[in-house]
């Protein structure tokens, strides 16, 4: 093996290792940022959806939609005209996941 090929292989190995370390560091920073800002983003989402429900009710001049946050932290949007129809928006902070469920009669 020539010195040039050994040198090239070492440089490629080092570049790959630095890339992996960089990605690991970036993933860690992204995870920390998500954990730090997740609750504020969820609060903003709840406020925005609630505001939109209120705007819709003002347009229809009827409480068509009811938006409420449960004790468990879920956001529930109910349609007054459809009885038991509701959309449940659930935030899982440990998994940094927002799940939306459309349910009827308490079933998802």
N, C-alpha and C. Protein backbone atom coordinates (compact mmCIF):
# COMPACT_ATOMS: atom_id res chain seq x y z
N UNK A 1 0.85 -1.16 0.00
CA UNK A 1 0.00 0.00 0.00
C UNK A 1 0.90 1.23 0.00
N UNK A 2 0.60 2.18 -0.85
CA UNK A 2 1.43 3.37 -0.94
C UNK A 2 1.07 4.35 0.17
N UNK A 3 1.98 5.26 0.41
CA UNK A 3 1.75 6.27 1.45
C UNK A 3 0.54 7.13 1.13
N UNK A 4 0.34 7.42 -0.17
CA UNK A 4 -0.80 8.24 -0.57
C UNK A 4 -2.13 7.54 -0.26
N UNK A 5 -2.23 6.26 -0.54
CA UNK A 5 -3.48 5.55 -0.29
C UNK A 5 -3.74 5.40 1.21
N UNK A 6 -2.69 5.21 2.00
CA UNK A 6 -2.84 5.14 3.45
C UNK A 6 -3.31 6.50 3.99
N UNK A 7 -2.69 7.54 3.46
CA UNK A 7 -3.06 8.89 3.89
C UNK A 7 -4.51 9.19 3.51
N UNK A 8 -4.92 8.83 2.30
CA UNK A 8 -6.28 9.05 1.83
C UNK A 8 -7.28 8.25 2.68
N UNK A 9 -6.95 7.01 2.98
CA UNK A 9 -7.83 6.18 3.81
C UNK A 9 -7.97 6.77 5.21
N UNK A 10 -6.87 7.27 5.77
CA UNK A 10 -6.91 7.89 7.09
C UNK A 10 -7.76 9.15 7.07
N UNK A 11 -7.64 9.94 6.02
CA UNK A 11 -8.43 11.17 5.90
C UNK A 11 -9.92 10.85 5.76
N UNK A 12 -10.24 9.82 4.98
CA UNK A 12 -11.64 9.41 4.81
C UNK A 12 -12.22 8.91 6.13
N UNK A 13 -11.42 8.13 6.86
CA UNK A 13 -11.86 7.62 8.15
C UNK A 13 -12.12 8.78 9.12
N UNK A 14 -11.19 9.72 9.16
CA UNK A 14 -11.33 10.87 10.05
C UNK A 14 -12.54 11.73 9.66
N UNK A 15 -12.74 11.94 8.37
CA UNK A 15 -13.88 12.73 7.90
C UNK A 15 -15.19 12.05 8.29
N UNK A 16 -15.25 10.73 8.13
CA UNK A 16 -16.46 9.99 8.48
C UNK A 16 -16.72 10.06 9.99
N UNK A 17 -15.67 9.92 10.75
CA UNK A 17 -15.80 9.98 12.22
C UNK A 17 -16.25 11.37 12.68
N UNK A 18 -15.68 12.41 12.10
CA UNK A 18 -16.07 13.77 12.46
C UNK A 18 -17.53 14.03 12.06
N UNK A 19 -17.95 13.49 10.92
CA UNK A 19 -19.34 13.65 10.48
C UNK A 19 -20.28 12.97 11.46
N UNK A 20 -19.95 11.75 11.88
CA UNK A 20 -20.78 11.02 12.84
C UNK A 20 -20.85 11.76 14.17
N UNK A 21 -19.72 12.27 14.65
CA UNK A 21 -19.71 13.02 15.90
C UNK A 21 -20.52 14.30 15.77
N UNK A 22 -20.40 14.95 14.61
CA UNK A 22 -21.17 16.18 14.37
C UNK A 22 -22.66 15.91 14.36
N UNK A 23 -23.08 14.81 13.72
CA UNK A 23 -24.49 14.45 13.68
C UNK A 23 -25.00 14.11 15.07
N UNK A 24 -24.18 13.39 15.84
CA UNK A 24 -24.57 13.04 17.21
C UNK A 24 -24.75 14.30 18.05
N UNK A 25 -23.82 15.24 17.93
CA UNK A 25 -23.91 16.49 18.66
C UNK A 25 -25.13 17.29 18.21
N UNK A 26 -25.40 17.30 16.91
CA UNK A 26 -26.56 18.03 16.38
C UNK A 26 -27.86 17.41 16.87
N UNK A 27 -27.94 16.07 16.88
CA UNK A 27 -29.13 15.39 17.38
C UNK A 27 -29.36 15.71 18.85
N UNK A 28 -28.28 15.75 19.63
CA UNK A 28 -28.38 16.07 21.06
C UNK A 28 -28.90 17.49 21.25
N UNK A 29 -28.36 18.43 20.49
CA UNK A 29 -28.81 19.82 20.58
C UNK A 29 -30.26 19.96 20.16
N UNK A 30 -30.66 19.25 19.12
CA UNK A 30 -32.04 19.30 18.65
C UNK A 30 -32.99 18.74 19.71
N UNK A 31 -32.59 17.64 20.33
CA UNK A 31 -33.40 17.02 21.38
C UNK A 31 -33.54 17.97 22.58
N UNK A 32 -32.43 18.61 22.98
CA UNK A 32 -32.46 19.56 24.09
C UNK A 32 -33.35 20.75 23.77
N UNK A 33 -33.26 21.26 22.54
CA UNK A 33 -34.09 22.40 22.12
C UNK A 33 -35.57 22.01 22.12
N UNK A 34 -35.88 20.81 21.63
CA UNK A 34 -37.26 20.34 21.61
C UNK A 34 -37.81 20.20 23.03
N UNK A 35 -36.99 19.66 23.93
CA UNK A 35 -37.43 19.52 25.32
C UNK A 35 -37.63 20.88 25.98
N UNK A 36 -36.77 21.82 25.66
CA UNK A 36 -36.85 23.15 26.25
C UNK A 36 -38.03 23.95 25.71
N UNK A 37 -38.24 23.91 24.40
CA UNK A 37 -39.25 24.75 23.77
C UNK A 37 -40.59 24.05 23.54
N UNK A 38 -40.64 22.74 23.71
CA UNK A 38 -41.87 21.98 23.47
C UNK A 38 -43.08 22.50 24.22
N UNK A 39 -42.98 22.71 25.54
CA UNK A 39 -44.14 23.20 26.28
C UNK A 39 -44.63 24.58 25.79
N UNK A 40 -43.72 25.46 25.45
CA UNK A 40 -44.11 26.80 24.95
C UNK A 40 -44.80 26.68 23.60
N UNK A 41 -44.31 25.80 22.74
CA UNK A 41 -44.93 25.59 21.43
C UNK A 41 -46.32 24.98 21.61
N UNK A 42 -46.46 24.03 22.54
CA UNK A 42 -47.77 23.43 22.81
C UNK A 42 -48.74 24.50 23.30
N UNK A 43 -48.30 25.35 24.22
CA UNK A 43 -49.15 26.42 24.75
C UNK A 43 -49.59 27.35 23.62
N UNK A 44 -48.68 27.68 22.72
CA UNK A 44 -49.01 28.54 21.59
C UNK A 44 -50.03 27.86 20.68
N UNK A 45 -49.88 26.56 20.47
CA UNK A 45 -50.84 25.80 19.65
C UNK A 45 -52.22 25.83 20.29
N UNK A 46 -52.28 25.58 21.60
CA UNK A 46 -53.57 25.59 22.32
C UNK A 46 -54.21 26.97 22.19
N UNK A 47 -53.43 28.03 22.43
CA UNK A 47 -53.96 29.39 22.33
C UNK A 47 -54.46 29.70 20.91
N UNK A 48 -53.71 29.27 19.91
CA UNK A 48 -54.10 29.52 18.52
C UNK A 48 -55.39 28.79 18.16
N UNK A 49 -55.48 27.52 18.52
CA UNK A 49 -56.69 26.74 18.20
C UNK A 49 -57.89 27.31 18.94
N UNK A 50 -57.72 27.66 20.21
CA UNK A 50 -58.81 28.24 20.98
C UNK A 50 -59.26 29.56 20.37
N UNK A 51 -58.31 30.37 19.95
CA UNK A 51 -58.63 31.64 19.31
C UNK A 51 -59.40 31.42 18.01
N UNK A 52 -58.97 30.44 17.24
CA UNK A 52 -59.66 30.14 15.98
C UNK A 52 -61.08 29.64 16.23
N UNK A 53 -61.28 28.85 17.27
CA UNK A 53 -62.63 28.39 17.64
C UNK A 53 -63.50 29.58 18.01
N UNK A 54 -62.93 30.49 18.79
CA UNK A 54 -63.68 31.70 19.19
C UNK A 54 -64.02 32.56 17.97
N UNK A 55 -63.09 32.69 17.05
CA UNK A 55 -63.36 33.46 15.82
C UNK A 55 -64.47 32.80 15.01
N UNK A 56 -64.42 31.48 14.89
CA UNK A 56 -65.45 30.76 14.15
C UNK A 56 -66.81 30.98 14.81
N UNK A 57 -66.86 30.89 16.12
CA UNK A 57 -68.12 31.09 16.83
C UNK A 57 -68.63 32.52 16.65
N UNK A 58 -67.74 33.50 16.57
CA UNK A 58 -68.14 34.89 16.33
C UNK A 58 -68.71 35.05 14.92
N UNK A 59 -68.13 34.35 13.95
CA UNK A 59 -68.63 34.42 12.57
C UNK A 59 -70.01 33.78 12.47
N UNK A 60 -70.16 32.62 13.08
CA UNK A 60 -71.45 31.92 13.01
C UNK A 60 -72.47 32.49 13.98
N UNK A 61 -72.01 33.33 14.90
CA UNK A 61 -72.86 33.92 15.94
C UNK A 61 -73.60 32.83 16.72
N UNK A 62 -72.88 31.75 16.95
CA UNK A 62 -73.44 30.59 17.65
C UNK A 62 -72.25 29.80 18.20
N UNK A 63 -72.36 29.26 19.41
CA UNK A 63 -71.23 28.46 19.94
C UNK A 63 -71.15 27.09 19.26
N UNK A 64 -70.76 27.12 17.99
CA UNK A 64 -70.67 25.89 17.19
C UNK A 64 -69.56 24.98 17.69
N UNK A 65 -68.42 25.56 18.03
CA UNK A 65 -67.26 24.79 18.48
C UNK A 65 -66.94 25.10 19.94
N UNK A 66 -66.60 24.07 20.68
CA UNK A 66 -66.15 24.24 22.05
C UNK A 66 -64.74 23.71 22.13
N UNK A 67 -63.81 24.56 22.54
CA UNK A 67 -62.41 24.15 22.68
C UNK A 67 -62.05 24.19 24.15
N UNK A 68 -61.46 23.11 24.64
CA UNK A 68 -61.06 23.09 26.05
C UNK A 68 -59.82 22.21 26.21
N UNK A 69 -59.03 22.57 27.20
CA UNK A 69 -57.85 21.78 27.54
C UNK A 69 -58.21 20.95 28.77
N UNK A 70 -57.95 19.65 28.71
CA UNK A 70 -58.30 18.77 29.83
C UNK A 70 -57.21 18.82 30.90
N UNK A 71 -57.51 18.22 32.04
CA UNK A 71 -56.55 18.15 33.13
C UNK A 71 -55.31 17.34 32.72
N UNK A 72 -55.49 16.42 31.78
CA UNK A 72 -54.37 15.60 31.30
C UNK A 72 -53.54 16.33 30.26
N UNK A 73 -54.00 17.54 29.85
CA UNK A 73 -53.24 18.33 28.90
C UNK A 73 -53.67 18.15 27.46
N UNK A 74 -54.71 17.37 27.22
CA UNK A 74 -55.24 17.21 25.87
C UNK A 74 -56.06 18.43 25.50
N UNK A 75 -56.13 18.72 24.23
CA UNK A 75 -56.99 19.77 23.71
C UNK A 75 -58.15 19.08 23.03
N UNK A 76 -59.37 19.44 23.43
CA UNK A 76 -60.56 18.81 22.85
C UNK A 76 -61.38 19.87 22.12
N UNK A 77 -61.73 19.57 20.90
CA UNK A 77 -62.53 20.46 20.08
C UNK A 77 -63.83 19.71 19.78
N UNK A 78 -64.94 20.24 20.29
CA UNK A 78 -66.23 19.57 20.12
C UNK A 78 -67.11 20.40 19.19
N UNK A 79 -67.89 19.69 18.39
CA UNK A 79 -68.85 20.33 17.50
C UNK A 79 -70.23 20.20 18.14
N UNK A 80 -70.85 21.34 18.46
CA UNK A 80 -72.14 21.34 19.15
C UNK A 80 -73.24 20.70 18.30
N UNK A 81 -73.17 20.88 17.02
CA UNK A 81 -74.22 20.37 16.12
C UNK A 81 -74.13 18.86 15.91
N UNK A 82 -72.99 18.27 16.16
CA UNK A 82 -72.78 16.85 15.87
C UNK A 82 -72.82 15.99 17.12
N UNK A 83 -73.23 16.54 18.24
CA UNK A 83 -73.34 15.74 19.46
C UNK A 83 -72.01 15.32 20.02
N UNK A 84 -71.64 14.08 19.77
CA UNK A 84 -70.45 13.51 20.40
C UNK A 84 -69.20 13.57 19.51
N UNK A 85 -69.26 14.26 18.39
CA UNK A 85 -68.09 14.37 17.52
C UNK A 85 -67.07 15.31 18.17
N UNK A 86 -65.83 14.86 18.21
CA UNK A 86 -64.79 15.71 18.75
C UNK A 86 -63.43 15.35 18.16
N UNK A 87 -62.56 16.33 18.17
CA UNK A 87 -61.17 16.12 17.77
C UNK A 87 -60.35 16.26 19.04
N UNK A 88 -59.49 15.30 19.28
CA UNK A 88 -58.61 15.33 20.46
C UNK A 88 -57.19 15.52 19.96
N UNK A 89 -56.53 16.54 20.48
CA UNK A 89 -55.14 16.81 20.15
C UNK A 89 -54.34 16.52 21.42
N UNK A 90 -53.45 15.55 21.35
CA UNK A 90 -52.70 15.11 22.52
C UNK A 90 -51.21 15.35 22.30
N UNK A 91 -50.57 15.93 23.29
CA UNK A 91 -49.14 16.21 23.24
C UNK A 91 -48.41 15.27 24.19
N UNK A 92 -47.44 14.52 23.66
CA UNK A 92 -46.62 13.62 24.47
C UNK A 92 -45.22 14.22 24.58
N UNK A 93 -44.94 14.95 25.69
CA UNK A 93 -43.67 15.65 25.81
C UNK A 93 -42.45 14.73 25.82
N UNK A 94 -42.57 13.55 26.40
CA UNK A 94 -41.40 12.65 26.46
C UNK A 94 -40.98 12.18 25.07
N UNK A 95 -41.97 12.01 24.20
CA UNK A 95 -41.68 11.56 22.83
C UNK A 95 -41.63 12.72 21.85
N UNK A 96 -41.96 13.94 22.35
CA UNK A 96 -42.01 15.14 21.50
C UNK A 96 -42.92 14.87 20.30
N UNK A 97 -44.15 14.45 20.62
CA UNK A 97 -45.09 14.01 19.59
C UNK A 97 -46.45 14.65 19.84
N UNK A 98 -47.09 15.12 18.79
CA UNK A 98 -48.47 15.60 18.85
C UNK A 98 -49.31 14.64 18.04
N UNK A 99 -50.37 14.13 18.67
CA UNK A 99 -51.24 13.16 18.02
C UNK A 99 -52.64 13.76 17.92
N UNK A 100 -53.28 13.64 16.77
CA UNK A 100 -54.63 14.15 16.55
C UNK A 100 -55.55 12.97 16.29
N UNK A 101 -56.64 12.92 17.07
CA UNK A 101 -57.61 11.84 16.92
C UNK A 101 -58.98 12.43 16.63
N UNK A 102 -59.69 11.84 15.69
CA UNK A 102 -61.05 12.23 15.38
C UNK A 102 -61.94 11.15 15.99
N UNK A 103 -62.76 11.52 16.95
CA UNK A 103 -63.54 10.48 17.63
C UNK A 103 -65.04 10.77 17.57
N UNK A 104 -65.82 9.70 17.64
CA UNK A 104 -67.28 9.77 17.66
C UNK A 104 -67.73 8.89 18.78
N UNK A 105 -68.68 9.36 19.59
CA UNK A 105 -69.23 8.59 20.69
C UNK A 105 -68.15 8.12 21.66
N UNK A 106 -67.12 8.93 21.87
CA UNK A 106 -66.06 8.58 22.80
C UNK A 106 -65.09 7.55 22.29
N UNK A 107 -65.26 7.12 21.01
CA UNK A 107 -64.37 6.13 20.42
C UNK A 107 -63.47 6.82 19.42
N UNK A 108 -62.21 6.41 19.36
CA UNK A 108 -61.25 7.01 18.41
C UNK A 108 -61.35 6.33 17.07
